Amino acid sequence: MSNNIVEDAKVEIVGMAKQGVRHPSTKPVLIAAAVGAAVGMFTFVTIPAGIIIGAGAMFYKRLRP
């Protein structure tokens, strides 16, 4: 990984798009999105916001462990 987070994110997103579920980041990001949706149902956060927050947090964690 380089020091440029935008370039790293671009490479990761392209890899996830091309490889689909076989990419090592896809499953954790999808699981975090599902957890975010579940949390969104039971809190003041809406479901779409929970999905975005959950997926975004895991995606960032995958970029910068």
Protein backbone atom coordinates (compact mmCIF):
# COMPACT_ATOMS: atom_id res chain seq x y z
CA MET A 1 0.00 0.00 0.00
CA SER A 2 1.15 3.48 -0.80
CA ASN A 3 0.69 6.67 1.16
CA ASN A 4 -2.02 7.90 -1.23
CA ILE A 5 -5.38 6.71 0.09
CA VAL A 6 -7.28 7.79 -3.04
CA GLU A 7 -5.05 5.70 -5.30
CA ASP A 8 -5.28 2.75 -2.91
CA ALA A 9 -9.08 3.03 -2.84
CA LYS A 10 -9.22 3.16 -6.64
CA VAL A 11 -7.10 0.02 -6.95
CA GLU A 12 -9.19 -1.77 -4.32
CA ILE A 13 -12.52 -0.82 -5.90
CA VAL A 14 -11.36 -1.88 -9.38
CA GLY A 15 -10.14 -5.18 -7.95
CA MET A 16 -13.44 -5.77 -6.16
CA ALA A 17 -15.39 -4.94 -9.32
CA LYS A 18 -13.33 -7.26 -11.52
CA GLN A 19 -12.98 -10.21 -9.13
CA GLY A 20 -16.31 -9.96 -7.37
CA VAL A 21 -16.69 -12.22 -4.35
CA ARG A 22 -13.28 -13.82 -4.98
CA HIS A 23 -11.58 -10.55 -3.97
CA PRO A 24 -10.44 -10.66 -0.32
CA SER A 25 -12.11 -7.33 0.54
CA THR A 26 -15.55 -8.01 -0.90
CA LYS A 27 -16.96 -10.31 1.79
CA PRO A 28 -15.91 -8.22 4.82
CA VAL A 29 -17.30 -5.06 3.21
CA LEU A 30 -20.61 -6.77 2.37
CA ILE A 31 -20.90 -8.22 5.87
CA ALA A 32 -20.24 -4.80 7.40
CA ALA A 33 -22.90 -3.31 5.12
CA ALA A 34 -25.42 -5.91 6.34
CA VAL A 35 -24.52 -5.22 9.97
CA GLY A 36 -24.88 -1.49 9.29
CA ALA A 37 -28.33 -2.09 7.82
CA ALA A 38 -29.37 -4.10 10.88
CA VAL A 39 -28.12 -1.37 13.20
CA GLY A 40 -29.94 1.19 11.07
CA MET A 41 -33.23 -0.62 11.65
CA PHE A 42 -32.96 -0.36 15.41
CA THR A 43 -31.48 3.11 15.83
CA PHE A 44 -32.24 6.61 14.64
CA VAL A 45 -30.01 6.02 11.59
CA THR A 46 -31.85 4.97 8.44
CA ILE A 47 -31.13 1.65 6.76
CA PRO A 48 -29.38 3.17 3.69
CA ALA A 49 -27.21 5.33 5.95
CA GLY A 50 -26.34 2.26 8.04
CA ILE A 51 -25.31 0.38 4.90
CA ILE A 52 -23.08 3.23 3.74
CA ILE A 53 -21.54 3.76 7.17
CA GLY A 54 -20.90 0.04 7.74
CA ALA A 55 -19.43 -0.59 4.29
CA GLY A 56 -17.41 2.62 4.40
CA ALA A 57 -15.92 1.85 7.79
CA MET A 58 -14.87 -1.65 6.75
CA PHE A 59 -13.53 -0.44 3.41
CA TYR A 60 -11.39 2.14 5.22
CA LYS A 61 -10.19 -0.53 7.64
CA ARG A 62 -9.20 -2.72 4.67
CA LEU A 63 -7.22 0.21 3.19
CA ARG A 64 -5.54 1.30 6.43
CA PRO A 65 -5.33 -1.65 8.84
